[in-house]
Amino acid sequence: MEKLISCCGLNCATCDARTATINNDDDLRKATAEKWRVAYGAPDLSYEMINCTGCREEGVKFSHCEVCEIRNCSKSKGFATCGDCPEMDTCGIVAAVHKYVPEAIDNLRSLN
């Protein structure tokens, strides 16, 4: 399976927003928007907002990516991902992702 590891360790290759963008699939955009509205308490999320090529890939980013504290921290330190940071295991910023998606840590460690 293809892997496109984001700054925090999520696999962008498995993200519905990326899949919808790459395949220009409005049905998947609509389903993803509905799922994310509920999951993330984002009632104003429209399907037109579901566009992203991946956190570290060239191209369009989901609106959250531009303000993502994890992504911005990694970039500001000159790291490709949090896996390059010696503070990853004790970092409170990325801990929220790793708490709910522990395989993200494995993804980051597999890059080194």
N, C-alpha and C. Protein backbone atom coordinates (compact mmCIF):
# COMPACT_ATOMS: atom_id res chain seq x y z
N MET A 1 0.84 -1.18 0.00
CA MET A 1 0.00 0.00 0.00
C MET A 1 0.88 1.25 0.00
N GLU A 2 0.46 2.22 -0.76
CA GLU A 2 1.18 3.49 -0.85
C GLU A 2 1.12 4.22 0.49
N LYS A 3 2.21 4.87 0.83
CA LYS A 3 2.24 5.68 2.04
C LYS A 3 2.74 7.08 1.69
N LEU A 4 2.02 8.06 2.16
CA LEU A 4 2.41 9.47 2.07
C LEU A 4 2.28 10.01 3.48
N ILE A 5 3.35 9.97 4.22
CA ILE A 5 3.30 10.29 5.64
C ILE A 5 3.33 11.79 5.86
N SER A 6 2.35 12.26 6.60
CA SER A 6 2.23 13.68 6.93
C SER A 6 3.21 14.06 8.02
N CYS A 7 3.25 15.33 8.34
CA CYS A 7 4.15 15.81 9.40
C CYS A 7 3.90 15.09 10.72
N CYS A 8 2.64 14.82 11.05
CA CYS A 8 2.30 14.19 12.33
C CYS A 8 2.35 12.67 12.27
N GLY A 9 2.44 12.11 11.07
CA GLY A 9 2.52 10.66 10.93
C GLY A 9 1.30 10.01 10.33
N LEU A 10 0.22 10.77 10.11
CA LEU A 10 -0.93 10.19 9.44
C LEU A 10 -0.55 9.84 8.00
N ASN A 11 -1.20 8.83 7.46
CA ASN A 11 -0.91 8.42 6.09
C ASN A 11 -1.89 9.12 5.16
N CYS A 12 -1.44 10.15 4.48
CA CYS A 12 -2.30 10.92 3.57
C CYS A 12 -2.82 10.06 2.42
N ALA A 13 -2.11 9.00 2.08
CA ALA A 13 -2.55 8.14 0.98
C ALA A 13 -3.88 7.47 1.29
N THR A 14 -4.23 7.35 2.56
CA THR A 14 -5.49 6.71 2.94
C THR A 14 -6.57 7.72 3.30
N CYS A 15 -6.29 8.99 3.13
CA CYS A 15 -7.23 10.05 3.49
C CYS A 15 -8.28 10.24 2.38
N ASP A 16 -9.55 10.26 2.79
CA ASP A 16 -10.62 10.44 1.81
C ASP A 16 -10.55 11.79 1.10
N ALA A 17 -10.08 12.82 1.78
CA ALA A 17 -9.96 14.13 1.13
C ALA A 17 -8.95 14.06 -0.01
N ARG A 18 -7.84 13.41 0.20
CA ARG A 18 -6.84 13.27 -0.86
C ARG A 18 -7.37 12.41 -2.00
N THR A 19 -8.01 11.30 -1.66
CA THR A 19 -8.57 10.43 -2.68
C THR A 19 -9.60 11.17 -3.53
N ALA A 20 -10.47 11.93 -2.87
CA ALA A 20 -11.49 12.71 -3.60
C ALA A 20 -10.84 13.74 -4.50
N THR A 21 -9.77 14.36 -4.03
CA THR A 21 -9.08 15.37 -4.83
C THR A 21 -8.40 14.75 -6.03
N ILE A 22 -7.64 13.70 -5.80
CA ILE A 22 -6.90 13.04 -6.88
C ILE A 22 -7.85 12.51 -7.96
N ASN A 23 -9.00 11.97 -7.52
CA ASN A 23 -9.96 11.37 -8.46
C ASN A 23 -11.07 12.33 -8.88
N ASN A 24 -11.01 13.57 -8.38
CA ASN A 24 -12.05 14.57 -8.65
C ASN A 24 -13.45 13.96 -8.43
N ASP A 25 -13.63 13.41 -7.24
CA ASP A 25 -14.83 12.64 -6.89
C ASP A 25 -15.72 13.44 -5.94
N ASP A 26 -16.72 14.11 -6.49
CA ASP A 26 -17.61 14.94 -5.67
C ASP A 26 -18.47 14.10 -4.72
N ASP A 27 -18.81 12.88 -5.09
CA ASP A 27 -19.58 12.03 -4.18
C ASP A 27 -18.77 11.72 -2.93
N LEU A 28 -17.47 11.43 -3.11
CA LEU A 28 -16.61 11.17 -1.95
C LEU A 28 -16.40 12.46 -1.15
N ARG A 29 -16.28 13.59 -1.82
CA ARG A 29 -16.17 14.87 -1.12
C ARG A 29 -17.39 15.09 -0.23
N LYS A 30 -18.58 14.84 -0.78
CA LYS A 30 -19.82 15.04 -0.01
C LYS A 30 -19.88 14.09 1.19
N ALA A 31 -19.54 12.83 0.98
CA ALA A 31 -19.55 11.86 2.08
C ALA A 31 -18.52 12.22 3.15
N THR A 32 -17.36 12.66 2.71
CA THR A 32 -16.30 13.05 3.65
C THR A 32 -16.71 14.28 4.45
N ALA A 33 -17.27 15.26 3.77
CA ALA A 33 -17.72 16.47 4.46
C ALA A 33 -18.76 16.12 5.52
N GLU A 34 -19.70 15.26 5.18
CA GLU A 34 -20.74 14.86 6.13
C GLU A 34 -20.12 14.15 7.34
N LYS A 35 -19.22 13.22 7.06
CA LYS A 35 -18.55 12.47 8.14
C LYS A 35 -17.75 13.41 9.04
N TRP A 36 -16.99 14.33 8.44
CA TRP A 36 -16.16 15.24 9.22
C TRP A 36 -16.97 16.29 9.96
N ARG A 37 -18.11 16.71 9.39
CA ARG A 37 -18.98 17.67 10.11
C ARG A 37 -19.39 17.09 11.45
N VAL A 38 -19.75 15.81 11.45
CA VAL A 38 -20.17 15.14 12.68
C VAL A 38 -18.96 14.84 13.58
N ALA A 39 -17.95 14.23 13.02
CA ALA A 39 -16.79 13.78 13.80
C ALA A 39 -16.04 14.94 14.46
N TYR A 40 -15.95 16.07 13.76
CA TYR A 40 -15.14 17.18 14.25
C TYR A 40 -15.97 18.38 14.68
N GLY A 41 -17.29 18.21 14.74
CA GLY A 41 -18.15 19.32 15.17
C GLY A 41 -17.97 20.55 14.30
N ALA A 42 -17.97 20.33 13.00
CA ALA A 42 -17.72 21.42 12.04
C ALA A 42 -18.93 21.59 11.12
N PRO A 43 -20.01 22.18 11.63
CA PRO A 43 -21.24 22.26 10.85
C PRO A 43 -21.13 23.07 9.56
N ASP A 44 -20.15 23.94 9.45
CA ASP A 44 -19.99 24.77 8.26
C ASP A 44 -19.09 24.16 7.19
N LEU A 45 -18.62 22.96 7.42
CA LEU A 45 -17.74 22.30 6.46
C LEU A 45 -18.54 21.87 5.23
N SER A 46 -18.19 22.42 4.09
CA SER A 46 -18.89 22.08 2.85
C SER A 46 -18.06 21.10 2.04
N TYR A 47 -18.72 20.41 1.13
CA TYR A 47 -17.98 19.45 0.31
C TYR A 47 -16.98 20.15 -0.60
N GLU A 48 -17.24 21.41 -0.94
CA GLU A 48 -16.30 22.14 -1.79
C GLU A 48 -14.96 22.38 -1.08
N MET A 49 -14.96 22.28 0.23
CA MET A 49 -13.74 22.48 1.01
C MET A 49 -12.87 21.23 1.06
N ILE A 50 -13.38 20.11 0.62
CA ILE A 50 -12.67 18.84 0.69
C ILE A 50 -11.75 18.72 -0.52
N ASN A 51 -10.58 19.31 -0.41
CA ASN A 51 -9.56 19.28 -1.45
C ASN A 51 -8.19 19.28 -0.78
N CYS A 52 -7.41 18.27 -1.07
CA CYS A 52 -6.07 18.19 -0.49
C CYS A 52 -5.26 17.13 -1.24
N THR A 53 -4.02 17.45 -1.53
CA THR A 53 -3.13 16.47 -2.16
C THR A 53 -2.21 15.78 -1.16
N GLY A 54 -2.25 16.25 0.08
CA GLY A 54 -1.41 15.67 1.13
C GLY A 54 -0.58 16.73 1.82
N CYS A 55 -0.36 16.55 3.08
CA CYS A 55 0.32 17.52 3.94
C CYS A 55 1.67 17.97 3.39
N ARG A 56 2.44 17.02 2.88
CA ARG A 56 3.80 17.35 2.44
C ARG A 56 3.95 17.27 0.93
N GLU A 57 2.84 17.12 0.22
CA GLU A 57 2.86 17.03 -1.23
C GLU A 57 2.59 18.39 -1.85
N GLU A 58 3.05 18.57 -3.08
CA GLU A 58 2.74 19.79 -3.83
C GLU A 58 1.24 19.79 -4.12
N GLY A 59 0.67 20.97 -4.20
CA GLY A 59 -0.73 21.08 -4.58
C GLY A 59 -1.60 21.64 -3.48
N VAL A 60 -2.88 21.57 -3.71
CA VAL A 60 -3.88 22.14 -2.81
C VAL A 60 -3.86 21.45 -1.45
N LYS A 61 -4.15 22.23 -0.42
CA LYS A 61 -4.22 21.71 0.95
C LYS A 61 -5.60 21.96 1.52
N PHE A 62 -6.07 21.05 2.36
CA PHE A 62 -7.29 21.27 3.12
C PHE A 62 -7.07 22.50 3.98
N SER A 63 -8.10 23.28 4.20
CA SER A 63 -7.94 24.56 4.89
C SER A 63 -7.24 24.43 6.23
N HIS A 64 -7.46 23.36 6.94
CA HIS A 64 -6.81 23.19 8.25
C HIS A 64 -5.29 23.06 8.12
N CYS A 65 -4.83 22.50 7.03
CA CYS A 65 -3.39 22.28 6.85
C CYS A 65 -2.59 23.57 6.94
N GLU A 66 -3.15 24.64 6.42
CA GLU A 66 -2.44 25.92 6.43
C GLU A 66 -2.24 26.47 7.84
N VAL A 67 -3.12 26.09 8.76
CA VAL A 67 -3.02 26.59 10.13
C VAL A 67 -2.66 25.49 11.12
N CYS A 68 -2.36 24.30 10.62
CA CYS A 68 -2.07 23.16 11.49
C CYS A 68 -0.82 23.45 12.33
N GLU A 69 -1.00 23.43 13.64
CA GLU A 69 0.11 23.73 14.56
C GLU A 69 1.23 22.72 14.42
N ILE A 70 0.88 21.47 14.18
CA ILE A 70 1.89 20.42 14.02
C ILE A 70 2.72 20.66 12.76
N ARG A 71 2.04 20.86 11.66
CA ARG A 71 2.72 21.11 10.38
C ARG A 71 3.59 22.36 10.45
N ASN A 72 3.04 23.43 11.01
CA ASN A 72 3.78 24.68 11.10
C ASN A 72 4.99 24.57 12.03
N CYS A 73 4.86 23.82 13.12
CA CYS A 73 5.99 23.61 14.03
C CYS A 73 7.10 22.85 13.31
N SER A 74 6.73 21.77 12.65
CA SER A 74 7.72 20.96 11.94
C SER A 74 8.45 21.79 10.89
N LYS A 75 7.69 22.55 10.11
CA LYS A 75 8.29 23.38 9.07
C LYS A 75 9.20 24.46 9.68
N SER A 76 8.75 25.07 10.79
CA SER A 76 9.54 26.15 11.39
C SER A 76 10.88 25.65 11.94
N LYS A 77 10.93 24.38 12.31
CA LYS A 77 12.17 23.78 12.82
C LYS A 77 13.01 23.18 11.70
N GLY A 78 12.51 23.23 10.47
CA GLY A 78 13.24 22.69 9.33
C GLY A 78 13.16 21.19 9.21
N PHE A 79 12.16 20.57 9.86
CA PHE A 79 12.00 19.12 9.80
C PHE A 79 10.99 18.75 8.72
N ALA A 80 11.20 17.60 8.10
CA ALA A 80 10.23 17.09 7.14
C ALA A 80 8.99 16.60 7.88
N THR A 81 9.20 15.95 9.02
CA THR A 81 8.10 15.43 9.84
C THR A 81 8.48 15.55 11.32
N CYS A 82 7.52 15.28 12.17
CA CYS A 82 7.79 15.25 13.60
C CYS A 82 8.76 14.14 13.97
N GLY A 83 8.85 13.13 13.12
CA GLY A 83 9.79 12.04 13.36
C GLY A 83 11.24 12.48 13.35
N ASP A 84 11.52 13.63 12.76
CA ASP A 84 12.88 14.17 12.73
C ASP A 84 13.20 14.95 14.00
N CYS A 85 12.18 15.24 14.80
CA CYS A 85 12.36 16.08 15.99
C CYS A 85 12.72 15.23 17.21
N PRO A 86 13.77 15.60 17.91
CA PRO A 86 14.17 14.83 19.10
C PRO A 86 13.15 14.94 20.24
N GLU A 87 12.22 15.86 20.15
CA GLU A 87 11.21 16.05 21.20
C GLU A 87 9.89 15.34 20.89
N MET A 88 9.83 14.56 19.82
CA MET A 88 8.56 13.97 19.40
C MET A 88 7.88 13.17 20.51
N ASP A 89 8.62 12.35 21.22
CA ASP A 89 8.00 11.48 22.22
C ASP A 89 7.43 12.24 23.42
N THR A 90 7.87 13.46 23.63
CA THR A 90 7.36 14.25 24.77
C THR A 90 6.59 15.48 24.33
N CYS A 91 6.36 15.63 23.04
CA CYS A 91 5.71 16.80 22.49
C CYS A 91 4.21 16.79 22.76
N GLY A 92 3.72 17.85 23.37
CA GLY A 92 2.30 17.98 23.63
C GLY A 92 1.50 18.35 22.40
N ILE A 93 2.15 18.90 21.39
CA ILE A 93 1.44 19.32 20.18
C ILE A 93 1.00 18.11 19.37
N VAL A 94 1.90 17.21 19.09
CA VAL A 94 1.58 16.05 18.26
C VAL A 94 0.94 14.92 19.08
N ALA A 95 1.00 15.00 20.39
CA ALA A 95 0.45 13.95 21.25
C ALA A 95 -1.03 13.71 21.01
N ALA A 96 -1.77 14.76 20.68
CA ALA A 96 -3.22 14.60 20.45
C ALA A 96 -3.49 13.65 19.29
N VAL A 97 -2.71 13.74 18.24
CA VAL A 97 -2.87 12.84 17.10
C VAL A 97 -2.45 11.43 17.49
N HIS A 98 -1.31 11.32 18.13
CA HIS A 98 -0.77 10.01 18.47
C HIS A 98 -1.64 9.28 19.50
N LYS A 99 -2.35 10.02 20.32
CA LYS A 99 -3.25 9.41 21.30
C LYS A 99 -4.38 8.66 20.60
N TYR A 100 -4.91 9.24 19.53
CA TYR A 100 -6.05 8.65 18.83
C TYR A 100 -5.65 7.80 17.63
N VAL A 101 -4.45 8.03 17.10
CA VAL A 101 -3.98 7.26 15.94
C VAL A 101 -2.54 6.82 16.24
N PRO A 102 -2.38 5.82 17.11
CA PRO A 102 -1.02 5.42 17.51
C PRO A 102 -0.16 4.91 16.36
N GLU A 103 -0.77 4.42 15.28
CA GLU A 103 0.05 3.96 14.14
C GLU A 103 0.78 5.12 13.48
N ALA A 104 0.36 6.35 13.76
CA ALA A 104 1.05 7.52 13.22
C ALA A 104 2.50 7.58 13.74
N ILE A 105 2.70 7.16 14.98
CA ILE A 105 4.06 7.13 15.54
C ILE A 105 4.90 6.10 14.77
N ASP A 106 4.33 4.94 14.51
CA ASP A 106 5.04 3.90 13.75
C ASP A 106 5.38 4.40 12.35
N ASN A 107 4.44 5.12 11.74
CA ASN A 107 4.71 5.67 10.40
C ASN A 107 5.91 6.61 10.44
N LEU A 108 5.97 7.46 11.45
CA LEU A 108 7.09 8.41 11.56
C LEU A 108 8.40 7.67 11.80
N ARG A 109 8.37 6.69 12.66
CA ARG A 109 9.60 5.94 12.96
C ARG A 109 10.07 5.13 11.75
N SER A 110 9.14 4.72 10.89
CA SER A 110 9.53 3.95 9.71
C SER A 110 10.24 4.79 8.67
N LEU A 111 10.14 6.11 8.78
CA LEU A 111 10.81 7.00 7.84
C LEU A 111 12.29 7.15 8.14
N ASN A 112 12.69 6.89 9.35
CA ASN A 112 14.09 7.09 9.76
C ASN A 112 14.93 5.86 9.57
